[in-house]
Amino acid sequence: QPMKTIAITVFGTRVSSRLDCAEGVLLVTLDGSIVKNRELVRLVQTNAWEKINTLLQLGIDVLICGGVPDIYANKLRDSGMQVIPWVRGEAEDVLSNFLAGKLSKRDTVQQRRI
């Protein structure tokens, strides 16, 4: 099983409520379900498209985020990234749930357009 990079957009210690307002992204490298590496990458850009482009350059396989406008989600998905939107809570809890296979559709808030 190849290494996988999971990214969680964060604001403080929580999943950022909106992708375009994220101040950073928690990058977690997985070997199967074992965490091999983790780092916090700051998203210093204020422009949403620049943030998207930065995310595209990080080699992310799965992006876990809060609210995300369709136009950005589609751009990320077009690159082959799996996007799990509308997730809330502490980033560490969300990561644990993801690793345990519990981050299913029922945990995500009902989709709404923004």
PDB file of N, CA and C in Angstrom:
ATOM      1  N   GLN A   1       0.859  -1.196   0.000  1.00  0.00           N
ATOM      2  CA  GLN A   1       0.000   0.000   0.000  1.00  0.00           C
ATOM      3  C   GLN A   1       0.895   1.247   0.000  1.00  0.00           C
ATOM      4  N   PRO A   2       0.691   2.102  -0.982  1.00  0.00           N
ATOM      5  CA  PRO A   2       1.567   3.279  -1.066  1.00  0.00           C
ATOM      6  C   PRO A   2       1.295   4.281   0.052  1.00  0.00           C
ATOM      7  N   MET A   3       2.275   5.128   0.280  1.00  0.00           N
ATOM      8  CA  MET A   3       2.119   6.203   1.262  1.00  0.00           C
ATOM      9  C   MET A   3       0.994   7.125   0.798  1.00  0.00           C
ATOM     10  N   LYS A   4       0.305   7.687   1.754  1.00  0.00           N
ATOM     11  CA  LYS A   4      -0.810   8.578   1.449  1.00  0.00           C
ATOM     12  C   LYS A   4      -0.655   9.854   2.251  1.00  0.00           C
ATOM     13  N   THR A   5      -0.999  10.967   1.647  1.00  0.00           N
ATOM     14  CA  THR A   5      -0.938  12.231   2.376  1.00  0.00           C
ATOM     15  C   THR A   5      -2.348  12.748   2.630  1.00  0.00           C
ATOM     16  N   ILE A   6      -2.671  12.898   3.906  1.00  0.00           N
ATOM     17  CA  ILE A   6      -3.967  13.426   4.328  1.00  0.00           C
ATOM     18  C   ILE A   6      -3.742  14.863   4.770  1.00  0.00           C
ATOM     19  N   ALA A   7      -4.645  15.749   4.413  1.00  0.00           N
ATOM     20  CA  ALA A   7      -4.523  17.143   4.839  1.00  0.00           C
ATOM     21  C   ALA A   7      -5.823  17.580   5.503  1.00  0.00           C
ATOM     22  N   ILE A   8      -5.683  18.278   6.622  1.00  0.00           N
ATOM     23  CA  ILE A   8      -6.848  18.836   7.319  1.00  0.00           C
ATOM     24  C   ILE A   8      -6.643  20.342   7.407  1.00  0.00           C
ATOM     25  N   THR A   9      -7.559  21.109   6.821  1.00  0.00           N
ATOM     26  CA  THR A   9      -7.426  22.570   6.902  1.00  0.00           C
ATOM     27  C   THR A   9      -7.799  23.009   8.312  1.00  0.00           C
ATOM     28  N   VAL A  10      -6.957  23.850   8.897  1.00  0.00           N
ATOM     29  CA  VAL A  10      -7.169  24.220  10.295  1.00  0.00           C
ATOM     30  C   VAL A  10      -7.189  25.727  10.524  1.00  0.00           C
ATOM     31  N   PHE A  11      -7.876  26.087  11.593  1.00  0.00           N
ATOM     32  CA  PHE A  11      -7.858  27.450  12.120  1.00  0.00           C
ATOM     33  C   PHE A  11      -7.673  27.249  13.613  1.00  0.00           C
ATOM     34  N   GLY A  12      -6.487  27.557  14.123  1.00  0.00           N
ATOM     35  CA  GLY A  12      -6.176  27.201  15.505  1.00  0.00           C
ATOM     36  C   GLY A  12      -6.031  25.689  15.575  1.00  0.00           C
ATOM     37  N   THR A  13      -6.753  25.068  16.514  1.00  0.00           N
ATOM     38  CA  THR A  13      -6.662  23.607  16.655  1.00  0.00           C
ATOM     39  C   THR A  13      -7.860  22.908  16.025  1.00  0.00           C
ATOM     40  N   ARG A  14      -8.766  23.691  15.447  1.00  0.00           N
ATOM     41  CA  ARG A  14      -9.992  23.118  14.886  1.00  0.00           C
ATOM     42  C   ARG A  14      -9.966  23.098  13.364  1.00  0.00           C
ATOM     43  N   VAL A  15     -10.817  22.253  12.811  1.00  0.00           N
ATOM     44  CA  VAL A  15     -10.991  22.275  11.362  1.00  0.00           C
ATOM     45  C   VAL A  15     -11.557  23.645  11.008  1.00  0.00           C
ATOM     46  N   SER A  16     -10.966  24.314  10.041  1.00  0.00           N
ATOM     47  CA  SER A  16     -11.449  25.660   9.698  1.00  0.00           C
ATOM     48  C   SER A  16     -12.867  25.567   9.148  1.00  0.00           C
ATOM     49  N   SER A  17     -13.722  26.499   9.566  1.00  0.00           N
ATOM     50  CA  SER A  17     -15.130  26.434   9.160  1.00  0.00           C
ATOM     51  C   SER A  17     -15.287  26.628   7.659  1.00  0.00           C
ATOM     52  N   ARG A  18     -14.340  27.365   7.065  1.00  0.00           N
ATOM     53  CA  ARG A  18     -14.354  27.523   5.610  1.00  0.00           C
ATOM     54  C   ARG A  18     -12.944  27.297   5.087  1.00  0.00           C
ATOM     55  N   LEU A  19     -12.864  26.593   3.984  1.00  0.00           N
ATOM     56  CA  LEU A  19     -11.568  26.303   3.375  1.00  0.00           C
ATOM     57  C   LEU A  19     -10.807  27.581   3.053  1.00  0.00           C
ATOM     58  N   ASP A  20     -11.515  28.576   2.535  1.00  0.00           N
ATOM     59  CA  ASP A  20     -10.825  29.800   2.107  1.00  0.00           C
ATOM     60  C   ASP A  20     -10.402  30.682   3.282  1.00  0.00           C
ATOM     61  N   CYS A  21     -10.818  30.319   4.506  1.00  0.00           N
ATOM     62  CA  CYS A  21     -10.381  31.076   5.691  1.00  0.00           C
ATOM     63  C   CYS A  21      -9.341  30.308   6.506  1.00  0.00           C
ATOM     64  N   ALA A  22      -8.912  29.163   6.015  1.00  0.00           N
ATOM     65  CA  ALA A  22      -7.946  28.346   6.764  1.00  0.00           C
ATOM     66  C   ALA A  22      -6.630  29.098   6.922  1.00  0.00           C
ATOM     67  N   GLU A  23      -6.044  28.995   8.132  1.00  0.00           N
ATOM     68  CA  GLU A  23      -4.744  29.648   8.341  1.00  0.00           C
ATOM     69  C   GLU A  23      -3.601  28.659   8.154  1.00  0.00           C
ATOM     70  N   GLY A  24      -3.963  27.394   8.055  1.00  0.00           N
ATOM     71  CA  GLY A  24      -2.932  26.389   7.843  1.00  0.00           C
ATOM     72  C   GLY A  24      -3.546  25.060   7.470  1.00  0.00           C
ATOM     73  N   VAL A  25      -2.667  24.104   7.197  1.00  0.00           N
ATOM     74  CA  VAL A  25      -3.134  22.768   6.864  1.00  0.00           C
ATOM     75  C   VAL A  25      -2.237  21.767   7.593  1.00  0.00           C
ATOM     76  N   LEU A  26      -2.884  20.828   8.283  1.00  0.00           N
ATOM     77  CA  LEU A  26      -2.155  19.774   8.977  1.00  0.00           C
ATOM     78  C   LEU A  26      -1.928  18.656   7.965  1.00  0.00           C
ATOM     79  N   LEU A  27      -0.661  18.430   7.617  1.00  0.00           N
ATOM     80  CA  LEU A  27      -0.309  17.399   6.643  1.00  0.00           C
ATOM     81  C   LEU A  27       0.130  16.149   7.385  1.00  0.00           C
ATOM     82  N   VAL A  28      -0.522  15.042   7.091  1.00  0.00           N
ATOM     83  CA  VAL A  28      -0.206  13.787   7.760  1.00  0.00           C
ATOM     84  C   VAL A  28       0.126  12.740   6.703  1.00  0.00           C
ATOM     85  N   THR A  29       1.327  12.167   6.801  1.00  0.00           N
ATOM     86  CA  THR A  29       1.728  11.119   5.864  1.00  0.00           C
ATOM     87  C   THR A  29       1.439   9.768   6.499  1.00  0.00           C
ATOM     88  N   LEU A  30       0.684   8.945   5.776  1.00  0.00           N
ATOM     89  CA  LEU A  30       0.292   7.637   6.292  1.00  0.00           C
ATOM     90  C   LEU A  30       0.948   6.511   5.509  1.00  0.00           C
ATOM     91  N   ASP A  31       1.381   5.491   6.252  1.00  0.00           N
ATOM     92  CA  ASP A  31       1.829   4.243   5.646  1.00  0.00           C
ATOM     93  C   ASP A  31       0.786   3.236   6.094  1.00  0.00           C
ATOM     94  N   GLY A  32      -0.180   2.953   5.222  1.00  0.00           N
ATOM     95  CA  GLY A  32      -1.341   2.181   5.651  1.00  0.00           C
ATOM     96  C   GLY A  32      -2.143   3.051   6.600  1.00  0.00           C
ATOM     97  N   SER A  33      -2.277   2.618   7.856  1.00  0.00           N
ATOM     98  CA  SER A  33      -2.992   3.455   8.831  1.00  0.00           C
ATOM     99  C   SER A  33      -2.027   3.976   9.897  1.00  0.00           C
ATOM    100  N   ILE A  34      -0.733   3.835   9.623  1.00  0.00           N
ATOM    101  CA  ILE A  34       0.278   4.301  10.577  1.00  0.00           C
ATOM    102  C   ILE A  34       0.773   5.686  10.184  1.00  0.00           C
ATOM    103  N   VAL A  35       0.733   6.613  11.144  1.00  0.00           N
ATOM    104  CA  VAL A  35       1.204   7.976  10.887  1.00  0.00           C
ATOM    105  C   VAL A  35       2.730   7.980  10.863  1.00  0.00           C
ATOM    106  N   LYS A  36       3.294   8.329   9.709  1.00  0.00           N
ATOM    107  CA  LYS A  36       4.751   8.361   9.543  1.00  0.00           C
ATOM    108  C   LYS A  36       5.321   9.752   9.782  1.00  0.00           C
ATOM    109  N   ASN A  37       4.550  10.745   9.433  1.00  0.00           N
ATOM    110  CA  ASN A  37       5.050  12.111   9.552  1.00  0.00           C
ATOM    111  C   ASN A  37       3.867  13.059   9.645  1.00  0.00           C
ATOM    112  N   ARG A  38       4.072  14.173  10.321  1.00  0.00           N
ATOM    113  CA  ARG A  38       3.024  15.191  10.375  1.00  0.00           C
ATOM    114  C   ARG A  38       3.670  16.552  10.479  1.00  0.00           C
ATOM    115  N   GLU A  39       3.103  17.495   9.794  1.00  0.00           N
ATOM    116  CA  GLU A  39       3.626  18.862   9.866  1.00  0.00           C
ATOM    117  C   GLU A  39       2.498  19.844   9.615  1.00  0.00           C
ATOM    118  N   LEU A  40       2.654  21.027  10.182  1.00  0.00           N
ATOM    119  CA  LEU A  40       1.673  22.080   9.967  1.00  0.00           C
ATOM    120  C   LEU A  40       2.243  23.052   8.945  1.00  0.00           C
ATOM    121  N   VAL A  41       1.531  23.205   7.849  1.00  0.00           N
ATOM    122  CA  VAL A  41       1.956  24.139   6.806  1.00  0.00           C
ATOM    123  C   VAL A  41       1.067  25.371   6.896  1.00  0.00           C
ATOM    124  N   ARG A  42       1.670  26.525   7.078  1.00  0.00           N
ATOM    125  CA  ARG A  42       0.888  27.762   7.157  1.00  0.00           C
ATOM    126  C   ARG A  42       0.415  28.147   5.766  1.00  0.00           C
ATOM    127  N   LEU A  43      -0.819  28.628   5.705  1.00  0.00           N
ATOM    128  CA  LEU A  43      -1.352  29.158   4.445  1.00  0.00           C
ATOM    129  C   LEU A  43      -1.371  30.672   4.602  1.00  0.00           C
ATOM    130  N   VAL A  44      -0.304  31.300   4.188  1.00  0.00           N
ATOM    131  CA  VAL A  44      -0.185  32.745   4.417  1.00  0.00           C
ATOM    132  C   VAL A  44      -0.939  33.561   3.375  1.00  0.00           C
ATOM    133  N   GLN A  45      -1.306  32.912   2.278  1.00  0.00           N
ATOM    134  CA  GLN A  45      -1.995  33.639   1.216  1.00  0.00           C
ATOM    135  C   GLN A  45      -3.369  34.102   1.704  1.00  0.00           C
ATOM    136  N   THR A  46      -3.764  35.270   1.261  1.00  0.00           N
ATOM    137  CA  THR A  46      -5.099  35.749   1.617  1.00  0.00           C
ATOM    138  C   THR A  46      -6.082  35.433   0.494  1.00  0.00           C
ATOM    139  N   ASN A  47      -5.562  35.287  -0.708  1.00  0.00           N
ATOM    140  CA  ASN A  47      -6.409  35.003  -1.863  1.00  0.00           C
ATOM    141  C   ASN A  47      -6.762  33.508  -1.894  1.00  0.00           C
ATOM    142  N   ALA A  48      -8.059  33.222  -2.017  1.00  0.00           N
ATOM    143  CA  ALA A  48      -8.517  31.833  -1.963  1.00  0.00           C
ATOM    144  C   ALA A  48      -7.897  30.969  -3.062  1.00  0.00           C
ATOM    145  N   TRP A  49      -7.790  31.516  -4.275  1.00  0.00           N
ATOM    146  CA  TRP A  49      -7.218  30.717  -5.368  1.00  0.00           C
ATOM    147  C   TRP A  49      -5.758  30.387  -5.108  1.00  0.00           C
ATOM    148  N   GLU A  50      -5.038  31.312  -4.468  1.00  0.00           N
ATOM    149  CA  GLU A  50      -3.637  31.041  -4.131  1.00  0.00           C
ATOM    150  C   GLU A  50      -3.553  29.923  -3.097  1.00  0.00           C
ATOM    151  N   LYS A  51      -4.504  29.908  -2.160  1.00  0.00           N
ATOM    152  CA  LYS A  51      -4.539  28.818  -1.177  1.00  0.00           C
ATOM    153  C   LYS A  51      -4.790  27.488  -1.885  1.00  0.00           C
ATOM    154  N   ILE A  52      -5.724  27.502  -2.824  1.00  0.00           N
ATOM    155  CA  ILE A  52      -6.040  26.288  -3.581  1.00  0.00           C
ATOM    156  C   ILE A  52      -4.797  25.802  -4.326  1.00  0.00           C
ATOM    157  N   ASN A  53      -4.101  26.730  -4.976  1.00  0.00           N
ATOM    158  CA  ASN A  53      -2.896  26.358  -5.720  1.00  0.00           C
ATOM    159  C   ASN A  53      -1.822  25.789  -4.803  1.00  0.00           C
ATOM    160  N   THR A  54      -1.698  26.351  -3.599  1.00  0.00           N
ATOM    161  CA  THR A  54      -0.741  25.810  -2.632  1.00  0.00           C
ATOM    162  C   THR A  54      -1.122  24.384  -2.261  1.00  0.00           C
ATOM    163  N   LEU A  55      -2.409  24.162  -2.012  1.00  0.00           N
ATOM    164  CA  LEU A  55      -2.877  22.814  -1.671  1.00  0.00           C
ATOM    165  C   LEU A  55      -2.568  21.834  -2.803  1.00  0.00           C
ATOM    166  N   LEU A  56      -2.736  22.293  -4.042  1.00  0.00           N
ATOM    167  CA  LEU A  56      -2.470  21.432  -5.192  1.00  0.00           C
ATOM    168  C   LEU A  56      -0.991  21.050  -5.279  1.00  0.00           C
ATOM    169  N   GLN A  57      -0.126  21.936  -4.800  1.00  0.00           N
ATOM    170  CA  GLN A  57       1.317  21.681  -4.887  1.00  0.00           C
ATOM    171  C   GLN A  57       1.827  20.769  -3.772  1.00  0.00           C
ATOM    172  N   LEU A  58       1.009  20.504  -2.764  1.00  0.00           N
ATOM    173  CA  LEU A  58       1.472  19.733  -1.607  1.00  0.00           C
ATOM    174  C   LEU A  58       1.366  18.215  -1.797  1.00  0.00           C
ATOM    175  N   GLY A  59       0.827  17.779  -2.929  1.00  0.00           N
ATOM    176  CA  GLY A  59       0.723  16.347  -3.185  1.00  0.00           C
ATOM    177  C   GLY A  59      -0.242  15.634  -2.253  1.00  0.00           C
ATOM    178  N   ILE A  60      -1.370  16.268  -1.992  1.00  0.00           N
ATOM    179  CA  ILE A  60      -2.369  15.728  -1.063  1.00  0.00           C
ATOM    180  C   ILE A  60      -3.249  14.689  -1.759  1.00  0.00           C
ATOM    181  N   ASP A  61      -3.488  13.568  -1.065  1.00  0.00           N
ATOM    182  CA  ASP A  61      -4.400  12.547  -1.595  1.00  0.00           C
ATOM    183  C   ASP A  61      -5.822  12.763  -1.093  1.00  0.00           C
ATOM    184  N   VAL A  62      -5.945  13.087   0.190  1.00  0.00           N
ATOM    185  CA  VAL A  62      -7.265  13.290   0.803  1.00  0.00           C
ATOM    186  C   VAL A  62      -7.261  14.611   1.561  1.00  0.00           C
ATOM    187  N   LEU A  63      -8.223  15.470   1.236  1.00  0.00           N
ATOM    188  CA  LEU A  63      -8.349  16.752   1.934  1.00  0.00           C
ATOM    189  C   LEU A  63      -9.612  16.728   2.781  1.00  0.00           C
ATOM    190  N   ILE A  64      -9.449  16.966   4.078  1.00  0.00           N
ATOM    191  CA  ILE A  64     -10.580  17.033   4.999  1.00  0.00           C
ATOM    192  C   ILE A  64     -10.745  18.502   5.375  1.00  0.00           C
ATOM    193  N   CYS A  65     -11.935  19.037   5.161  1.00  0.00           N
ATOM    194  CA  CYS A  65     -12.113  20.475   5.383  1.00  0.00           C
ATOM    195  C   CYS A  65     -13.524  20.784   5.860  1.00  0.00           C
ATOM    196  N   GLY A  66     -13.752  22.051   6.149  1.00  0.00           N
ATOM    197  CA  GLY A  66     -15.084  22.503   6.529  1.00  0.00           C
ATOM    198  C   GLY A  66     -15.848  22.882   5.268  1.00  0.00           C
ATOM    199  N   GLY A  67     -16.512  24.021   5.315  1.00  0.00           N
ATOM    200  CA  GLY A  67     -17.270  24.476   4.155  1.00  0.00           C
ATOM    201  C   GLY A  67     -16.344  24.823   3.006  1.00  0.00           C
ATOM    202  N   VAL A  68     -16.744  24.419   1.819  1.00  0.00           N
ATOM    203  CA  VAL A  68     -15.928  24.731   0.645  1.00  0.00           C
ATOM    204  C   VAL A  68     -16.847  25.014  -0.544  1.00  0.00           C
ATOM    205  N   PRO A  69     -16.703  26.177  -1.158  1.00  0.00           N
ATOM    206  CA  PRO A  69     -17.514  26.472  -2.339  1.00  0.00           C
ATOM    207  C   PRO A  69     -17.236  25.448  -3.441  1.00  0.00           C
ATOM    208  N   ASP A  70     -18.277  25.080  -4.173  1.00  0.00           N
ATOM    209  CA  ASP A  70     -18.155  24.071  -5.232  1.00  0.00           C
ATOM    210  C   ASP A  70     -17.021  24.367  -6.205  1.00  0.00           C
ATOM    211  N   ILE A  71     -16.843  25.632  -6.535  1.00  0.00           N
ATOM    212  CA  ILE A  71     -15.843  25.990  -7.540  1.00  0.00           C
ATOM    213  C   ILE A  71     -14.443  25.554  -7.094  1.00  0.00           C
ATOM    214  N   TYR A  72     -14.161  25.643  -5.787  1.00  0.00           N
ATOM    215  CA  TYR A  72     -12.856  25.205  -5.282  1.00  0.00           C
ATOM    216  C   TYR A  72     -12.806  23.681  -5.157  1.00  0.00           C
ATOM    217  N   ALA A  73     -13.883  23.103  -4.641  1.00  0.00           N
ATOM    218  CA  ALA A  73     -13.926  21.646  -4.469  1.00  0.00           C
ATOM    219  C   ALA A  73     -13.733  20.945  -5.809  1.00  0.00           C
ATOM    220  N   ASN A  74     -14.387  21.478  -6.843  1.00  0.00           N
ATOM    221  CA  ASN A  74     -14.273  20.864  -8.170  1.00  0.00           C
ATOM    222  C   ASN A  74     -12.854  20.950  -8.701  1.00  0.00           C
ATOM    223  N   LYS A  75     -12.211  22.086  -8.479  1.00  0.00           N
ATOM    224  CA  LYS A  75     -10.826  22.274  -8.932  1.00  0.00           C
ATOM    225  C   LYS A  75      -9.907  21.247  -8.259  1.00  0.00           C
ATOM    226  N   LEU A  76     -10.097  21.052  -6.958  1.00  0.00           N
ATOM    227  CA  LEU A  76      -9.274  20.091  -6.217  1.00  0.00           C
ATOM    228  C   LEU A  76      -9.561  18.665  -6.672  1.00  0.00           C
ATOM    229  N   ARG A  77     -10.839  18.352  -6.850  1.00  0.00           N
ATOM    230  CA  ARG A  77     -11.207  16.996  -7.280  1.00  0.00           C
ATOM    231  C   ARG A  77     -10.696  16.702  -8.683  1.00  0.00           C
ATOM    232  N   ASP A  78     -10.705  17.724  -9.535  1.00  0.00           N
ATOM    233  CA  ASP A  78     -10.212  17.543 -10.908  1.00  0.00           C
ATOM    234  C   ASP A  78      -8.754  17.105 -10.915  1.00  0.00           C
ATOM    235  N   SER A  79      -8.016  17.456  -9.860  1.00  0.00           N
ATOM    236  CA  SER A  79      -6.599  17.097  -9.793  1.00  0.00           C
ATOM    237  C   SER A  79      -6.416  15.669  -9.260  1.00  0.00           C
ATOM    238  N   GLY A  80      -7.524  15.022  -8.910  1.00  0.00           N
ATOM    239  CA  GLY A  80      -7.446  13.654  -8.403  1.00  0.00           C
ATOM    240  C   GLY A  80      -7.480  13.561  -6.888  1.00  0.00           C
ATOM    241  N   MET A  81      -7.657  14.701  -6.234  1.00  0.00           N
ATOM    242  CA  MET A  81      -7.705  14.729  -4.770  1.00  0.00           C
ATOM    243  C   MET A  81      -9.092  14.303  -4.292  1.00  0.00           C
ATOM    244  N   GLN A  82      -9.132  13.509  -3.222  1.00  0.00           N
ATOM    245  CA  GLN A  82     -10.416  13.184  -2.604  1.00  0.00           C
ATOM    246  C   GLN A  82     -10.717  14.290  -1.604  1.00  0.00           C
ATOM    247  N   VAL A  83     -11.892  14.890  -1.709  1.00  0.00           N
ATOM    248  CA  VAL A  83     -12.256  15.987  -0.807  1.00  0.00           C
ATOM    249  C   VAL A  83     -13.396  15.532   0.102  1.00  0.00           C
ATOM    250  N   ILE A  84     -13.173  15.635   1.410  1.00  0.00           N
ATOM    251  CA  ILE A  84     -14.217  15.312   2.392  1.00  0.00           C
ATOM    252  C   ILE A  84     -14.598  16.625   3.078  1.00  0.00           C
ATOM    253  N   PRO A  85     -15.673  17.274   2.596  1.00  0.00           N
ATOM    254  CA  PRO A  85     -16.032  18.595   3.129  1.00  0.00           C
ATOM    255  C   PRO A  85     -17.027  18.525   4.282  1.00  0.00           C
ATOM    256  N   TRP A  86     -17.344  19.697   4.824  1.00  0.00           N
ATOM    257  CA  TRP A  86     -18.359  19.877   5.862  1.00  0.00           C
ATOM    258  C   TRP A  86     -18.040  19.096   7.130  1.00  0.00           C
ATOM    259  N   VAL A  87     -16.756  19.026   7.464  1.00  0.00           N
ATOM    260  CA  VAL A  87     -16.347  18.352   8.692  1.00  0.00           C
ATOM    261  C   VAL A  87     -16.084  19.421   9.748  1.00  0.00           C
ATOM    262  N   ARG A  88     -16.482  19.148  10.979  1.00  0.00           N
ATOM    263  CA  ARG A  88     -16.246  20.099  12.073  1.00  0.00           C
ATOM    264  C   ARG A  88     -15.526  19.421  13.220  1.00  0.00           C
ATOM    265  N   GLY A  89     -14.941  20.238  14.100  1.00  0.00           N
ATOM    266  CA  GLY A  89     -14.374  19.702  15.330  1.00  0.00           C
ATOM    267  C   GLY A  89     -12.892  19.950  15.461  1.00  0.00           C
ATOM    268  N   GLU A  90     -12.313  19.364  16.506  1.00  0.00           N
ATOM    269  CA  GLU A  90     -10.881  19.463  16.750  1.00  0.00           C
ATOM    270  C   GLU A  90     -10.161  18.628  15.695  1.00  0.00           C
ATOM    271  N   ALA A  91      -9.108  19.192  15.125  1.00  0.00           N
ATOM    272  CA  ALA A  91      -8.382  18.505  14.055  1.00  0.00           C
ATOM    273  C   ALA A  91      -7.886  17.126  14.491  1.00  0.00           C
ATOM    274  N   GLU A  92      -7.408  17.018  15.735  1.00  0.00           N
ATOM    275  CA  GLU A  92      -6.890  15.732  16.222  1.00  0.00           C
ATOM    276  C   GLU A  92      -7.993  14.672  16.288  1.00  0.00           C
ATOM    277  N   ASP A  93      -9.189  15.081  16.738  1.00  0.00           N
ATOM    278  CA  ASP A  93     -10.316  14.143  16.807  1.00  0.00           C
ATOM    279  C   ASP A  93     -10.714  13.693  15.409  1.00  0.00           C
ATOM    280  N   VAL A  94     -10.727  14.647  14.501  1.00  0.00           N
ATOM    281  CA  VAL A  94     -11.100  14.352  13.115  1.00  0.00           C
ATOM    282  C   VAL A  94     -10.097  13.371  12.503  1.00  0.00           C
ATOM    283  N   LEU A  95      -8.816  13.599  12.767  1.00  0.00           N
ATOM    284  CA  LEU A  95      -7.782  12.693  12.258  1.00  0.00           C
ATOM    285  C   LEU A  95      -7.973  11.288  12.822  1.00  0.00           C
ATOM    286  N   SER A  96      -8.227  11.199  14.134  1.00  0.00           N
ATOM    287  CA  SER A  96      -8.456   9.889  14.769  1.00  0.00           C
ATOM    288  C   SER A  96      -9.638   9.175  14.139  1.00  0.00           C
ATOM    289  N   ASN A  97     -10.715   9.926  13.915  1.00  0.00           N
ATOM    290  CA  ASN A  97     -11.907   9.339  13.302  1.00  0.00           C
ATOM    291  C   ASN A  97     -11.619   8.862  11.888  1.00  0.00           C
ATOM    292  N   PHE A  98     -10.838   9.655  11.149  1.00  0.00           N
ATOM    293  CA  PHE A  98     -10.488   9.267   9.782  1.00  0.00           C
ATOM    294  C   PHE A  98      -9.683   7.967   9.794  1.00  0.00           C
ATOM    295  N   LEU A  99      -8.694   7.890  10.683  1.00  0.00           N
ATOM    296  CA  LEU A  99      -7.840   6.700  10.766  1.00  0.00           C
ATOM    297  C   LEU A  99      -8.637   5.469  11.178  1.00  0.00           C
ATOM    298  N   ALA A 100      -9.684   5.690  11.975  1.00  0.00           N
ATOM    299  CA  ALA A 100     -10.515   4.576  12.436  1.00  0.00           C
ATOM    300  C   ALA A 100     -11.603   4.232  11.417  1.00  0.00           C
ATOM    301  N   GLY A 101     -11.609   4.954  10.294  1.00  0.00           N
ATOM    302  CA  GLY A 101     -12.607   4.691   9.261  1.00  0.00           C
ATOM    303  C   GLY A 101     -13.986   5.196   9.621  1.00  0.00           C
ATOM    304  N   LYS A 102     -14.036   6.126  10.575  1.00  0.00           N
ATOM    305  CA  LYS A 102     -15.337   6.617  11.056  1.00  0.00           C
ATOM    306  C   LYS A 102     -15.771   7.922  10.409  1.00  0.00           C
ATOM    307  N   LEU A 103     -14.916   8.458   9.553  1.00  0.00           N
ATOM    308  CA  LEU A 103     -15.272   9.750   8.962  1.00  0.00           C
ATOM    309  C   LEU A 103     -16.141   9.494   7.737  1.00  0.00           C
ATOM    310  N   SER A 104     -17.370   9.086   8.010  1.00  0.00           N
ATOM    311  CA  SER A 104     -18.259   8.737   6.917  1.00  0.00           C
ATOM    312  C   SER A 104     -19.181   9.900   6.608  1.00  0.00           C
ATOM    313  N   LYS A 105     -19.995   9.707   5.603  1.00  0.00           N
ATOM    314  CA  LYS A 105     -20.910  10.762   5.170  1.00  0.00           C
ATOM    315  C   LYS A 105     -21.831  11.201   6.309  1.00  0.00           C
ATOM    316  N   ARG A 106     -22.232  10.270   7.168  1.00  0.00           N
ATOM    317  CA  ARG A 106     -23.203  10.637   8.203  1.00  0.00           C
ATOM    318  C   ARG A 106     -22.616  11.594   9.234  1.00  0.00           C
ATOM    319  N   ASP A 107     -21.271  11.646   9.320  1.00  0.00           N
ATOM    320  CA  ASP A 107     -20.657  12.562  10.279  1.00  0.00           C
ATOM    321  C   ASP A 107     -20.560  13.974   9.731  1.00  0.00           C
ATOM    322  N   THR A 108     -20.677  14.086   8.424  1.00  0.00           N
ATOM    323  CA  THR A 108     -20.527  15.415   7.845  1.00  0.00           C
ATOM    324  C   THR A 108     -21.872  16.119   7.871  1.00  0.00           C
ATOM    325  N   VAL A 109     -21.819  17.385   8.079  1.00  0.00           N
ATOM    326  CA  VAL A 109     -23.030  18.192   8.139  1.00  0.00           C
ATOM    327  C   VAL A 109     -23.701  18.152   6.766  1.00  0.00           C
ATOM    328  N   GLN A 110     -25.004  18.257   6.752  1.00  0.00           N
ATOM    329  CA  GLN A 110     -25.722  18.263   5.476  1.00  0.00           C
ATOM    330  C   GLN A 110     -25.112  19.290   4.534  1.00  0.00           C
ATOM    331  N   GLN A 111     -24.895  18.873   3.307  1.00  0.00           N
ATOM    332  CA  GLN A 111     -24.266  19.807   2.374  1.00  0.00           C
ATOM    333  C   GLN A 111     -25.144  21.007   2.124  1.00  0.00           C
ATOM    334  N   ARG A 112     -24.496  22.134   2.115  1.00  0.00           N
ATOM    335  CA  ARG A 112     -25.225  23.343   1.756  1.00  0.00           C
ATOM    336  C   ARG A 112     -24.289  24.177   0.918  1.00  0.00           C
ATOM    337  N   ARG A 113     -24.854  24.913   0.015  1.00  0.00           N
ATOM    338  CA  ARG A 113     -24.002  25.685  -0.891  1.00  0.00           C
ATOM    339  C   ARG A 113     -23.545  26.977  -0.238  1.00  0.00           C
ATOM    340  N   ILE A 114     -22.293  27.342  -0.489  1.00  0.00           N
ATOM    341  CA  ILE A 114     -21.813  28.645   0.006  1.00  0.00           C
ATOM    342  C   ILE A 114     -21.156  29.376  -1.145  1.00  0.00           C
TER     343      ILE A 114
END
